[in-house]
Protein backbone atom coordinates (compact mmCIF):
# COMPACT_ATOMS: atom_id res chain seq x y z
CA MET A 1 -56.86 -34.55 8.58
CA PRO A 2 -54.01 -32.88 6.58
CA THR A 3 -50.52 -34.30 6.91
CA PRO A 4 -48.33 -31.86 8.84
CA THR A 5 -45.46 -30.36 6.87
CA PRO A 6 -42.21 -31.82 8.15
CA ALA A 7 -39.87 -29.33 9.75
CA PRO A 8 -36.80 -28.57 7.64
CA GLU A 9 -33.52 -30.15 8.64
CA PRO A 10 -31.21 -28.10 10.82
CA LYS A 11 -28.75 -26.06 8.79
CA PRO A 12 -25.39 -27.78 8.26
CA ARG A 13 -22.75 -27.51 10.97
CA VAL A 14 -19.70 -25.72 9.58
CA LEU A 15 -16.14 -26.28 10.78
CA VAL A 16 -13.57 -23.57 9.93
CA ALA A 17 -9.86 -24.32 10.23
CA GLY A 18 -8.20 -20.99 10.96
CA GLY A 19 -9.37 -17.78 12.58
CA GLY A 20 -7.59 -15.25 10.40
CA ILE A 21 -9.38 -12.62 8.36
CA SER A 22 -10.75 -15.03 5.75
CA GLY A 23 -11.97 -17.57 8.29
CA LEU A 24 -13.61 -14.93 10.47
CA VAL A 25 -15.38 -13.20 7.57
CA PHE A 26 -16.80 -16.49 6.36
CA ALA A 27 -17.77 -17.51 9.91
CA LEU A 28 -19.55 -14.19 10.40
CA ALA A 29 -21.37 -14.43 7.05
CA ALA A 30 -22.46 -18.01 7.75
CA ARG A 31 -23.64 -17.25 11.29
CA ARG A 32 -25.68 -14.28 10.07
CA LYS A 33 -27.46 -16.73 7.74
CA GLY A 34 -28.24 -19.05 10.63
CA PHE A 35 -25.56 -21.73 10.23
CA GLU A 36 -23.90 -23.29 13.23
CA VAL A 37 -20.21 -22.41 12.93
CA LEU A 38 -17.17 -23.51 14.90
CA VAL A 39 -13.84 -21.78 14.22
CA LEU A 40 -10.85 -23.89 15.23
CA GLU A 41 -7.88 -21.59 15.76
CA ARG A 42 -4.37 -22.55 16.78
CA ASP A 43 -3.70 -19.40 18.81
CA VAL A 44 -6.38 -16.76 19.37
CA SER A 45 -3.81 -14.34 20.81
CA ALA A 46 -1.88 -14.56 17.51
CA VAL A 47 -5.07 -13.95 15.56
CA ARG A 48 -5.86 -10.83 17.49
CA GLY A 49 -2.26 -9.66 17.73
CA GLU A 50 -1.14 -10.37 14.19
CA GLY A 51 -1.18 -6.68 13.34
CA ARG A 52 1.81 -6.17 15.59
CA TYR A 53 3.86 -8.30 13.25
CA ARG A 54 2.38 -7.69 9.81
CA GLY A 55 1.14 -4.15 10.11
CA PRO A 56 -2.03 -2.55 8.75
CA ILE A 57 -3.93 -4.06 5.84
CA GLN A 58 -5.37 -2.27 2.84
CA LEU A 59 -9.07 -2.95 2.37
CA GLN A 60 -10.16 -1.79 -1.06
CA SER A 61 -13.68 -0.92 -2.13
CA ASN A 62 -14.61 -4.45 -3.20
CA ALA A 63 -13.75 -5.92 0.21
CA LEU A 64 -15.39 -3.11 2.18
CA ALA A 65 -18.60 -3.56 0.22
CA VAL A 66 -18.57 -7.27 1.07
CA LEU A 67 -18.19 -6.45 4.77
CA GLU A 68 -21.22 -4.15 4.50
CA ALA A 69 -23.23 -6.99 2.93
CA VAL A 70 -22.10 -9.43 5.63
CA ASP A 71 -22.62 -7.34 8.77
CA MET A 72 -23.27 -3.61 8.59
CA PRO A 73 -22.50 -2.79 12.26
CA ALA A 74 -19.14 -4.59 12.05
CA ALA A 75 -18.42 -2.89 8.71
CA ASP A 76 -19.21 0.51 10.22
CA GLU A 77 -16.81 -0.14 13.08
CA ILE A 78 -14.05 -1.28 10.70
CA MET A 79 -14.46 1.70 8.40
CA ASP A 80 -14.59 4.17 11.25
CA ALA A 81 -11.28 2.73 12.49
CA GLY A 82 -9.63 2.89 9.07
CA CYS A 83 -7.61 5.59 7.37
CA VAL A 84 -9.15 6.57 4.01
CA THR A 85 -6.53 6.62 1.23
CA GLY A 86 -8.73 6.15 -1.82
CA ASN A 87 -9.93 9.76 -1.80
CA ARG A 88 -6.43 11.01 -2.64
CA VAL A 89 -3.95 10.58 -5.48
CA ASN A 90 -2.28 7.16 -5.53
CA GLY A 91 0.05 5.66 -8.07
CA ILE A 92 3.53 4.81 -9.34
CA VAL A 93 6.59 7.07 -9.34
CA ASP A 94 10.20 6.66 -10.37
CA GLY A 95 12.20 5.66 -7.31
CA VAL A 96 15.23 7.85 -8.05
CA THR A 97 13.58 11.03 -9.27
CA GLY A 98 10.28 10.80 -7.42
CA SER A 99 8.51 11.89 -10.62
CA TRP A 100 5.05 10.50 -11.28
CA TYR A 101 4.95 7.59 -13.69
CA ILE A 102 1.20 7.01 -13.54
CA LYS A 103 -1.57 7.99 -11.10
CA PHE A 104 -4.40 5.71 -9.98
CA ASP A 105 -7.95 6.92 -9.49
CA THR A 106 -9.49 4.53 -6.97
CA PHE A 107 -12.12 7.07 -5.93
CA THR A 108 -14.19 7.28 -9.14
CA PRO A 109 -14.84 3.52 -9.54
CA ALA A 110 -16.08 3.44 -5.95
CA ALA A 111 -18.20 6.60 -6.17
CA GLU A 112 -19.81 5.57 -9.45
CA ARG A 113 -20.95 2.25 -7.96
CA GLY A 114 -21.87 3.51 -4.51
CA LEU A 115 -19.02 1.60 -2.84
CA PRO A 116 -16.93 2.53 0.19
CA VAL A 117 -13.60 4.16 -0.62
CA THR A 118 -10.35 2.25 -0.01
CA ARG A 119 -9.01 2.33 3.54
CA VAL A 120 -6.06 1.08 5.53
CA VAL A 121 -6.89 -0.48 8.89
CA SER A 122 -4.92 -2.11 11.69
CA ARG A 123 -4.86 -5.84 11.04
CA MET A 124 -5.04 -6.49 14.77
CA LEU A 125 -8.08 -4.23 15.21
CA LEU A 126 -9.78 -5.69 12.13
CA GLN A 127 -9.49 -9.20 13.51
CA GLU A 128 -10.65 -8.10 16.95
CA ILE A 129 -13.80 -6.55 15.44
CA LEU A 130 -14.51 -9.62 13.32
CA ALA A 131 -13.89 -12.03 16.21
CA ARG A 132 -16.19 -10.04 18.47
CA ALA A 133 -18.92 -10.05 15.82
CA VAL A 134 -18.58 -13.81 15.31
CA GLY A 135 -18.79 -14.38 19.06
CA ASP A 136 -16.49 -16.09 21.53
CA ASP A 137 -18.85 -19.05 21.67
CA ALA A 138 -18.00 -19.87 18.05
CA ILE A 139 -14.20 -19.60 18.33
CA MET A 140 -12.12 -22.30 20.03
CA ASN A 141 -8.53 -21.61 21.00
CA ASP A 142 -5.65 -24.11 21.06
CA CYS A 143 -7.20 -26.03 18.18
CA HIS A 144 -4.66 -26.66 15.45
CA VAL A 145 -6.28 -28.62 12.61
CA VAL A 146 -3.69 -30.91 11.01
CA ASP A 147 -5.87 -33.46 9.18
CA PHE A 148 -9.44 -34.55 8.48
CA THR A 149 -11.56 -37.50 7.41
CA ASP A 150 -14.55 -37.32 5.07
CA ASP A 151 -16.88 -40.35 5.09
CA GLY A 152 -19.31 -38.84 2.57
CA ASP A 153 -21.95 -37.88 5.14
CA LYS A 154 -19.86 -36.06 7.71
CA VAL A 155 -16.37 -34.60 7.94
CA THR A 156 -14.16 -34.83 11.02
CA ALA A 157 -11.41 -32.30 11.76
CA ILE A 158 -8.42 -33.84 13.53
CA LEU A 159 -6.35 -31.60 15.79
CA GLU A 160 -2.66 -31.74 16.54
CA ASP A 161 -3.38 -32.98 20.09
CA GLY A 162 -5.65 -35.77 18.82
CA ARG A 163 -9.01 -34.19 19.55
CA LYS A 164 -11.69 -34.48 16.87
CA PHE A 165 -14.64 -32.33 15.86
CA GLU A 166 -17.43 -33.43 13.55
CA GLY A 167 -19.38 -31.27 11.14
CA ASP A 168 -21.19 -31.28 7.81
CA LEU A 169 -18.37 -29.49 6.02
CA LEU A 170 -14.84 -28.25 6.66
CA VAL A 171 -13.45 -24.97 5.33
CA GLY A 172 -9.67 -24.63 5.20
CA ALA A 173 -8.85 -21.01 5.98
CA ASP A 174 -5.48 -21.79 7.53
CA GLY A 175 -3.18 -19.74 5.35
CA ILE A 176 -0.47 -20.28 2.78
CA TRP A 177 1.00 -23.26 4.66
CA SER A 178 -2.45 -24.83 5.04
CA LYS A 179 -2.65 -28.27 6.66
CA VAL A 180 -6.11 -28.77 5.18
CA ARG A 181 -4.72 -28.16 1.70
CA LYS A 182 -1.93 -30.64 2.35
CA SER A 183 -4.44 -33.28 3.44
CA LEU A 184 -6.57 -32.60 0.36
CA PHE A 185 -3.92 -32.57 -2.34
CA GLY A 186 -0.67 -33.68 -0.76
CA GLN A 187 2.45 -31.66 -0.13
CA THR A 188 2.93 -28.82 -2.65
CA GLU A 189 5.53 -26.10 -2.41
CA ALA A 190 4.60 -22.43 -2.41
CA SER A 191 6.20 -20.34 -5.17
CA TYR A 192 8.97 -17.94 -4.20
CA SER A 193 8.47 -14.55 -5.82
CA GLU A 194 12.25 -13.92 -6.02
CA TYR A 195 11.74 -10.93 -3.74
CA THR A 196 12.46 -10.44 -0.07
CA CYS A 197 10.45 -7.76 1.69
CA TYR A 198 11.37 -5.41 4.51
CA THR A 199 8.51 -3.58 6.17
CA GLY A 200 8.16 -0.97 8.86
CA ILE A 201 5.95 1.71 10.37
CA ALA A 202 7.31 5.15 11.20
CA ASP A 203 6.07 8.19 13.09
CA PHE A 204 6.28 10.37 10.02
CA VAL A 205 3.93 12.77 8.24
CA PRO A 206 4.97 13.71 4.69
CA PRO A 207 4.10 17.19 3.47
CA ASP A 208 1.69 15.84 0.83
CA ILE A 209 -0.29 13.79 3.33
CA ASP A 210 -3.54 15.53 2.34
CA THR A 211 -3.10 14.90 -1.37
CA VAL A 212 -1.34 11.52 -1.70
CA GLY A 213 -2.51 8.26 -0.13
CA TYR A 214 0.07 5.71 -1.27
CA ARG A 215 2.92 5.52 -3.75
CA VAL A 216 4.86 2.72 -5.40
CA PHE A 217 8.46 3.75 -6.13
CA LEU A 218 9.91 1.73 -9.00
CA GLY A 219 13.54 0.79 -9.53
CA HIS A 220 15.41 -1.93 -11.37
CA LYS A 221 14.91 -5.21 -9.47
CA GLN A 222 13.71 -3.35 -6.40
CA TYR A 223 10.73 -1.24 -5.45
CA PHE A 224 9.34 0.58 -2.44
CA VAL A 225 5.76 1.20 -1.30
CA SER A 226 4.61 3.83 1.19
CA SER A 227 1.12 4.43 2.54
CA ASP A 228 -0.55 6.67 5.04
CA VAL A 229 -2.02 4.54 7.83
CA GLY A 230 -3.37 7.38 9.97
CA ALA A 231 -2.50 8.65 13.45
CA GLY A 232 0.63 10.37 12.15
CA LYS A 233 2.20 7.14 10.90
CA MET A 234 3.38 5.84 7.55
CA GLN A 235 3.74 2.18 6.61
CA TRP A 236 6.27 1.10 4.01
CA TYR A 237 7.44 -2.02 2.19
CA ALA A 238 10.85 -2.36 0.54
CA PHE A 239 11.22 -5.18 -1.99
CA HIS A 240 14.56 -6.41 -3.30
CA LYS A 241 15.17 -9.23 -5.77
CA GLU A 242 17.42 -11.87 -4.22
CA PRO A 243 17.45 -15.58 -3.26
CA ALA A 244 15.22 -16.74 -0.42
CA GLY A 245 16.53 -17.35 3.07
CA GLY A 246 18.70 -14.27 3.46
CA THR A 247 19.36 -12.81 6.90
CA ASP A 248 20.72 -9.58 8.31
CA PRO A 249 23.22 -9.02 11.12
CA GLU A 250 21.81 -7.81 14.41
CA ASN A 251 20.56 -4.24 14.06
CA GLY A 252 21.59 -4.32 10.42
CA LYS A 253 18.30 -4.03 8.54
CA LYS A 254 18.11 -0.25 8.41
CA LYS A 255 21.76 0.06 7.38
CA ARG A 256 21.25 -2.40 4.52
CA LEU A 257 18.10 -0.65 3.33
CA LEU A 258 19.83 2.72 3.23
CA GLU A 259 22.56 1.10 1.13
CA LEU A 260 20.10 -0.66 -1.20
CA PHE A 261 18.11 2.52 -1.77
CA SER A 262 21.03 4.94 -1.76
CA GLY A 263 20.46 7.66 -4.34
CA TRP A 264 16.68 7.27 -4.29
CA CYS A 265 14.39 10.24 -3.82
CA ASP A 266 13.82 11.99 -0.50
CA ASN A 267 10.38 10.40 -0.04
CA VAL A 268 12.06 7.01 0.40
CA ILE A 269 15.19 8.03 2.29
CA ASP A 270 13.37 10.31 4.76
CA LEU A 271 10.90 7.54 5.58
CA LEU A 272 13.66 4.98 6.16
CA ASN A 273 15.58 7.42 8.34
CA ALA A 274 12.43 8.05 10.41
CA THR A 275 11.96 4.33 11.14
CA ASP A 276 13.43 2.73 14.25
CA GLU A 277 15.58 -0.36 13.66
CA GLU A 278 13.41 -2.51 15.92
CA ALA A 279 10.32 -1.59 13.89
CA ILE A 280 11.74 -3.15 10.71
CA LEU A 281 10.79 -6.73 9.84
CA ARG A 282 11.86 -8.96 6.97
CA ARG A 283 10.19 -11.87 5.20
CA ASP A 284 10.48 -13.60 1.86
CA ILE A 285 7.43 -13.28 -0.40
CA TYR A 286 5.69 -16.47 -1.53
CA ASP A 287 2.43 -17.08 -3.33
CA ARG A 288 0.31 -20.01 -4.48
CA PRO A 289 -1.08 -20.02 -8.01
CA PRO A 290 -4.81 -20.85 -7.87
CA THR A 291 -5.57 -24.33 -9.15
CA ILE A 292 -8.61 -25.82 -10.88
CA ASN A 293 -9.51 -27.87 -7.80
CA TRP A 294 -10.14 -26.00 -4.58
CA GLY A 295 -11.65 -28.88 -2.67
CA LYS A 296 -13.04 -32.40 -2.58
CA GLY A 297 -16.23 -33.82 -1.12
CA ARG A 298 -17.28 -31.89 1.97
CA VAL A 299 -14.03 -29.91 2.22
CA THR A 300 -13.04 -26.68 0.48
CA LEU A 301 -10.43 -23.94 0.78
CA LEU A 302 -10.55 -20.16 0.80
CA GLY A 303 -8.13 -17.25 0.99
CA ASP A 304 -4.38 -17.80 1.20
CA SER A 305 -4.80 -21.55 1.63
CA VAL A 306 -5.75 -21.80 -2.06
CA HIS A 307 -4.58 -18.59 -3.74
CA ALA A 308 -2.03 -16.71 -1.61
CA MET A 309 -1.08 -13.59 -3.56
CA GLN A 310 1.87 -11.27 -3.74
CA PRO A 311 1.03 -7.98 -1.98
CA ASN A 312 1.55 -5.76 -5.01
CA LEU A 313 -2.13 -5.00 -5.68
CA GLY A 314 -3.31 -5.07 -2.07
CA GLN A 315 -5.92 -7.65 -3.07
CA GLY A 316 -4.86 -10.78 -1.16
CA GLY A 317 -7.02 -10.09 1.87
CA CYS A 318 -9.75 -8.59 -0.31
CA MET A 319 -10.04 -11.78 -2.36
CA ALA A 320 -10.24 -13.84 0.83
CA ILE A 321 -13.09 -11.63 2.07
CA GLU A 322 -14.93 -12.09 -1.23
CA ASP A 323 -14.37 -15.85 -0.91
CA GLY A 324 -15.98 -15.95 2.52
CA TYR A 325 -19.05 -14.08 1.39
CA GLN A 326 -19.56 -16.21 -1.72
CA LEU A 327 -19.19 -19.47 0.18
CA ALA A 328 -21.86 -18.41 2.67
CA VAL A 329 -24.15 -17.41 -0.22
CA GLU A 330 -23.77 -20.79 -1.92
CA LEU A 331 -24.48 -22.66 1.31
CA GLU A 332 -27.62 -20.58 1.83
CA LYS A 333 -28.77 -21.31 -1.72
CA ALA A 334 -28.32 -25.03 -1.10
CA TRP A 335 -30.32 -24.75 2.12
CA GLN A 336 -33.14 -22.86 0.44
CA GLU A 337 -33.28 -25.46 -2.33
CA SER A 338 -33.43 -28.26 0.22
CA VAL A 339 -36.39 -26.58 1.94
CA LYS A 340 -38.26 -26.28 -1.36
CA SER A 341 -37.53 -29.84 -2.46
CA ARG A 342 -37.73 -31.31 1.05
CA THR A 343 -34.45 -33.11 0.47
CA PRO A 344 -31.18 -33.06 2.43
CA VAL A 345 -28.91 -30.09 1.85
CA ASP A 346 -26.52 -30.83 -1.01
CA VAL A 347 -23.39 -29.59 0.73
CA VAL A 348 -20.98 -31.02 -1.84
CA SER A 349 -22.63 -29.28 -4.79
CA SER A 350 -22.74 -25.96 -2.92
CA LEU A 351 -18.98 -26.15 -2.32
CA ARG A 352 -18.31 -26.85 -5.98
CA SER A 353 -20.60 -23.97 -6.96
CA TYR A 354 -18.63 -21.63 -4.70
CA GLU A 355 -15.36 -22.75 -6.24
CA LYS A 356 -16.70 -22.27 -9.76
CA GLU A 357 -17.97 -18.77 -8.94
CA ARG A 358 -14.62 -17.65 -7.57
CA ARG A 359 -12.09 -19.42 -9.77
CA LEU A 360 -11.81 -17.06 -12.77
CA ARG A 361 -11.89 -13.73 -10.92
CA VAL A 362 -9.29 -14.89 -8.41
CA ALA A 363 -7.02 -16.27 -11.14
CA ILE A 364 -7.07 -12.98 -13.07
CA ILE A 365 -6.31 -10.84 -10.02
CA HIS A 366 -3.61 -13.29 -8.92
CA GLY A 367 -2.01 -12.90 -12.34
CA LEU A 368 -2.21 -9.11 -12.15
CA ALA A 369 -0.44 -9.18 -8.79
CA ARG A 370 2.38 -11.21 -10.33
CA MET A 371 2.56 -8.84 -13.29
CA ALA A 372 3.17 -5.95 -10.93
CA ALA A 373 6.26 -7.71 -9.57
CA ILE A 374 7.44 -8.51 -13.10
CA MET A 375 7.06 -4.84 -13.97
CA ALA A 376 9.46 -3.94 -11.16
CA THR A 377 11.87 -6.65 -12.27
CA THR A 378 12.00 -5.29 -15.81
CA TYR A 379 11.65 -1.57 -15.04
CA ARG A 380 14.47 0.53 -16.45
CA PRO A 381 14.06 4.31 -16.47
CA TYR A 382 16.87 4.88 -18.98
CA LEU A 383 18.79 3.04 -21.64
CA GLY A 384 21.82 1.39 -20.09
CA VAL A 385 20.32 0.48 -16.71
CA GLY A 386 21.15 -3.13 -15.93
CA LEU A 387 23.29 -3.54 -19.05
CA GLY A 388 26.70 -3.88 -17.39
CA PRO A 389 29.34 -2.61 -19.87
CA LEU A 390 26.73 -0.38 -21.52
CA SER A 391 25.69 1.29 -18.27
CA PHE A 392 27.47 4.48 -19.40
CA LEU A 393 24.40 5.09 -21.58
CA THR A 394 22.45 6.09 -18.47
CA THR A 395 24.34 9.41 -18.42
CA LEU A 396 22.56 10.33 -21.66
CA ARG A 397 19.18 10.12 -19.88
CA ILE A 398 17.48 8.46 -22.86
CA PRO A 399 14.11 7.09 -21.67
CA HIS A 400 13.97 3.31 -21.95
CA PRO A 401 11.44 2.20 -24.62
CA GLY A 402 9.88 -0.23 -22.14
CA ARG A 403 9.22 2.59 -19.74
CA VAL A 404 7.51 4.66 -22.42
CA GLY A 405 5.46 1.73 -23.71
CA GLY A 406 4.58 0.59 -20.21
CA ARG A 407 3.27 4.02 -19.29
CA PHE A 408 1.07 4.09 -22.40
CA PHE A 409 -0.33 0.65 -21.60
CA ILE A 410 -0.97 1.45 -17.94
CA LYS A 411 -2.51 4.84 -18.69
CA PHE A 412 -5.27 3.31 -20.77
CA GLY A 413 -5.49 -0.13 -19.16
CA MET A 414 -5.38 0.85 -15.49
CA PRO A 415 -8.81 2.58 -15.33
CA LEU A 416 -10.46 -0.49 -16.85
CA MET A 417 -8.57 -2.81 -14.54
CA LEU A 418 -9.37 -0.78 -11.41
CA SER A 419 -13.02 -0.52 -12.39
CA TRP A 420 -13.28 -4.30 -12.68
CA VAL A 421 -11.18 -5.16 -9.61
CA LEU A 422 -12.89 -2.66 -7.31
CA GLY A 423 -16.41 -2.88 -8.67
CA GLY A 424 -16.63 -6.10 -10.65
CA ASN A 425 -18.08 -8.09 -7.78
CA SER A 426 -20.52 -5.49 -6.46
CA SER A 427 -23.52 -6.71 -8.47
CA LYS A 428 -23.44 -10.01 -6.55
CA LEU A 429 -23.76 -8.38 -3.14
CA GLU A 430 -27.06 -8.28 -1.32
CA GLY A 431 -28.26 -6.33 1.68
CA ARG A 432 -26.10 -3.20 1.39
CA PRO A 433 -27.08 0.34 0.33
CA LEU A 434 -25.77 1.46 -3.07
CA SER A 435 -24.24 4.65 -1.72
CA CYS A 436 -20.93 6.07 -0.56
CA ARG A 437 -20.36 7.45 2.90
CA LEU A 438 -20.23 11.18 3.52
CA SER A 439 -16.86 10.66 5.20
CA ASP A 440 -15.49 9.32 1.90
CA LYS A 441 -15.82 12.65 0.07
CA ALA A 442 -12.76 13.63 -1.99
CA ASN A 443 -11.24 17.07 -2.43
CA ASP A 444 -12.86 19.10 -5.21
CA GLN A 445 -9.43 19.43 -6.85
CA LEU A 446 -8.79 15.67 -7.03
CA GLY A 447 -9.55 15.48 -10.76
CA ARG A 448 -7.13 18.32 -11.45
CA TRP A 449 -4.40 16.69 -9.37
CA PHE A 450 -4.61 13.58 -11.51
CA GLN A 451 -3.97 15.65 -14.64
CA ASP A 452 -1.58 18.33 -13.41
CA ASP A 453 1.61 17.54 -11.46
CA ASP A 454 2.22 21.22 -10.79
CA ALA A 455 -1.23 21.62 -9.23
CA LEU A 456 -0.55 18.59 -7.04
CA GLU A 457 2.75 20.10 -5.90
CA GLN A 458 1.14 23.47 -5.19
CA ALA A 459 -1.50 21.78 -3.02
CA MET A 460 1.21 20.18 -0.89
CA GLY A 461 1.41 21.30 2.71
CA GLY A 462 4.52 21.49 4.85
CA GLU A 463 7.36 23.97 4.94
CA TRP A 464 9.89 24.57 2.15
CA PHE A 465 13.55 24.56 3.12
CA LEU A 466 16.94 25.04 1.56
CA PHE A 467 19.26 22.49 3.20
CA PRO A 468 23.00 23.18 2.95
CA MET A 469 24.85 20.50 0.98
CA SER A 470 28.37 21.93 1.24
CA SER A 471 30.48 22.33 4.36
CA GLY A 472 32.22 25.52 5.26
CA ASP A 473 32.14 28.49 7.55
CA ASN A 474 29.20 30.52 6.33
CA SER A 475 25.90 31.77 7.72
CA ALA A 476 23.94 29.11 5.87
CA SER A 477 25.02 26.23 8.06
CA GLN A 478 21.41 25.71 9.12
CA PRO A 479 18.31 25.01 7.01
CA ILE A 480 16.65 28.08 5.54
CA ARG A 481 12.86 28.17 5.71
CA LEU A 482 11.15 29.73 2.72
CA ILE A 483 7.93 31.61 3.44
CA ARG A 484 5.00 31.44 1.00
CA ASP A 485 4.44 35.18 0.86
CA GLU A 486 4.09 36.77 -2.57
CA GLN A 487 4.84 40.22 -1.14
CA ARG A 488 8.34 39.33 0.04
CA THR A 489 11.56 38.55 -1.80
CA LEU A 490 14.59 36.68 -0.50
CA SER A 491 17.84 38.29 -1.67
CA ILE A 492 20.98 36.15 -1.93
CA GLY A 493 24.45 37.71 -2.13
CA SER A 494 27.88 37.88 -0.58
CA ARG A 495 26.70 40.74 1.67
CA PRO A 496 23.33 41.54 3.27
CA ASP A 497 21.05 43.54 1.01
CA PRO A 498 20.70 46.96 2.71
CA SER A 499 17.37 47.54 1.01
CA ASN A 500 15.99 44.16 2.13
CA SER A 501 17.81 43.36 5.37
CA ASP A 502 14.91 41.38 6.86
CA SER A 503 14.81 38.98 3.90
CA SER A 504 18.41 38.62 2.94
CA LEU A 505 20.73 35.60 2.84
CA SER A 506 24.43 36.44 3.08
CA LEU A 507 26.91 33.94 1.63
CA PRO A 508 30.42 35.46 1.94
CA LEU A 509 32.05 33.12 -0.56
CA PRO A 510 34.40 33.77 -3.52
CA GLN A 511 31.96 32.91 -6.32
CA VAL A 512 28.89 34.50 -4.78
CA SER A 513 28.29 37.95 -6.21
CA GLU A 514 27.36 40.88 -4.00
CA ILE A 515 23.86 40.82 -5.47
CA HIS A 516 23.58 37.28 -6.81
CA ALA A 517 19.96 36.06 -7.02
CA THR A 518 16.46 36.34 -5.59
CA ILE A 519 13.78 33.84 -4.57
CA THR A 520 10.13 34.79 -4.94
CA CYS A 521 6.80 33.03 -4.43
CA LYS A 522 3.85 33.09 -6.79
CA ASN A 523 0.73 30.90 -6.71
CA LYS A 524 2.32 28.77 -3.96
CA ALA A 525 5.33 27.98 -6.17
CA PHE A 526 8.89 29.26 -5.69
CA TYR A 527 11.02 30.86 -8.38
CA LEU A 528 14.75 31.58 -8.48
CA THR A 529 16.14 34.47 -10.55
CA ASP A 530 19.84 34.93 -11.26
CA LEU A 531 20.68 38.66 -11.33
CA GLY A 532 23.50 38.41 -13.86
CA SER A 533 26.03 37.01 -11.38
CA GLU A 534 29.60 36.47 -12.59
CA HIS A 535 29.80 32.75 -11.82
CA GLY A 536 26.15 31.98 -12.32
CA THR A 537 23.40 30.14 -10.52
CA TRP A 538 23.10 26.42 -11.29
CA PHE A 539 20.35 23.84 -11.06
CA ASN A 540 20.65 20.09 -10.60
CA ASP A 541 17.16 18.69 -11.15
CA ASN A 542 15.79 15.33 -10.05
CA GLU A 543 16.61 13.85 -13.47
CA GLY A 544 20.32 14.45 -12.83
CA ARG A 545 20.62 17.34 -15.32
CA ARG A 546 22.84 20.30 -14.39
CA TYR A 547 22.38 23.61 -16.12
CA ARG A 548 23.01 27.31 -15.61
CA LEU A 549 20.06 29.61 -15.13
CA PRO A 550 19.62 32.36 -17.72
CA PRO A 551 20.12 35.80 -16.16
CA ASN A 552 17.14 37.88 -15.08
CA PHE A 553 14.62 35.13 -15.85
CA PRO A 554 12.64 33.49 -12.99
CA VAL A 555 12.89 29.69 -13.02
CA ARG A 556 10.63 27.53 -10.91
CA PHE A 557 12.30 25.00 -8.64
CA HIS A 558 10.89 21.83 -7.10
CA PRO A 559 11.48 19.55 -4.10
CA SER A 560 14.74 17.58 -4.41
CA ASP A 561 16.32 20.09 -6.80
CA ALA A 562 19.85 21.17 -5.90
CA ILE A 563 20.78 24.85 -6.24
CA GLU A 564 24.35 26.17 -6.56
CA PHE A 565 25.31 29.82 -6.19
CA GLY A 566 28.53 29.93 -8.18
CA SER A 567 30.12 26.90 -9.83
CA ASP A 568 32.66 25.88 -7.16
CA LYS A 569 30.08 23.87 -5.16
CA LYS A 570 30.78 25.87 -1.99
CA ALA A 571 27.26 27.29 -1.80
CA MET A 572 24.99 24.33 -2.58
CA PHE A 573 21.49 23.77 -1.23
CA ARG A 574 18.94 21.02 -1.60
CA VAL A 575 15.25 21.87 -1.75
CA LYS A 576 13.15 19.87 0.70
CA VAL A 577 9.54 20.14 1.82
CA LEU A 578 8.84 18.83 5.31
CA ASN A 579 6.19 18.88 7.99
CA THR A 580 8.92 18.69 10.62
CA LEU A 581 12.69 19.00 10.53
CA PRO A 582 14.61 15.72 10.21
CA TYR A 583 15.78 14.25 13.50
CA GLU A 584 19.48 14.87 12.94
CA SER A 585 18.96 18.54 12.16
CA ALA A 586 16.54 19.14 15.03
CA ARG A 587 18.86 17.34 17.46
CA GLY A 588 21.67 19.73 16.58
CA GLY A 589 19.78 22.49 18.34
CA GLY A 590 20.71 25.14 15.78
CA GLU A 591 18.39 27.92 14.78
CA VAL A 592 16.41 27.58 11.57
CA LEU A 593 16.84 30.67 9.44
CA GLN A 594 13.62 32.13 8.09
CA ALA A 595 13.42 33.92 4.81
CA ALA A 596 10.72 35.15 2.50
């Protein structure tokens, strides 16, 4: 009579310290592979409400693909809830001028590999979806893991209140201030980035919402990030280099930010002005350089507990999600091997295999995130910036050599870097279709927008306005709306134009000629023509250059340009493009003048 084949051992029991994104993704991946999982979370309400305090999270193509491989229904729900930003232009601009420094194409690397396109999703909603997919039976509340013991065969998690839970392995997913990490390797200090970060969410829709997903505005020792997060809201981060531990007076955050970013482009100032004081939060930015050792024995770490990153690449959460998937894969491999060899599951070796698989990729991306902060620290648009006594050189507007060299390096290096970051892990994923979603389709003009700044500006929505910059008693005390109509011309002069009374702007001022200038529209762009006026028409562009327009020659103007009719600064206007009028102007109740 044949000897019956012994039944395989039960799969290892997995303890997870921490129910944040990394812990929940790993728990979900492990449960889908049949492992018994218990997530020990200090405060479930904080897990599911964290988005209220830290805002939406960017999930790039690499992380979204992992979620598809882990649990397709949960991934579908997450992606349906997210705001797609990767199908638009993203990139770096100069903080003062708003001019593009370099544009990022995150769509092509995803489309070429059949990956989902980058999205921004509510952190709170993301964690709710993941927790629901894991199951309430696998998540225990009021369980703060502060220590553990590992006897070689089993590991015991020790809670703050003295309770103990036994399992076959323990995964520390308890964040940058990880207690599991401390128990493994002793007390180690996180590294301060030298930047404090203000963040907020505003009810604000920029005019280029359909063409631009997110922007990084660079300045010297400070930078600003804005991103569409959907539902008519924009999220922003403002970074400033200063010692840790700083505080603001009550209701003083917005005031300080407007001072720190005074003189920056309208994109930044308008967004700050649209944000309520109570919606602004502040925290110092820390990270943890990844080490050679991620664990010992039957204990390992993942996510922020072992490699907390600066937020500059939006890859901190993405790397944690990749960690969770890879750890579940390595545990499954060990289980399959044990079934074949009819030996106990080699948990320890599977943990070391996971750490080996992840170590190099995480270290490189961690370094890239730090480099992005260094770039902001060293960024100087012009010679003289940050040079104290030599700061007068900035008036010459000589591009800083580092800026020119940096742009060259980024232009050619960024596509390779994005391709590897977004798609470099996709070959290791199993169980997901190699295809993009129909909802991820980009505009047919996206390729042109990457190459042509003028085309990107022409595709911008919103209304164009001339906002008065000078005070005085004249008819242009309210914003003037410009109409994109190539058949109409706006006449500007000291008196109404009798031949064009419906599209005439009267400025009864000493240096405004009777027939001074005209504004016309062509191919969705606006042009200003000086008609040989005595005192001239003047431009101040976003680079700070002031020059007089040649007579009878149409000159294109752009958002943020300042226009002067005459040279006495009594008829000055700033060009702005908005979806809605700013609050202060709308509150005044005055009529908005409309002109062709």
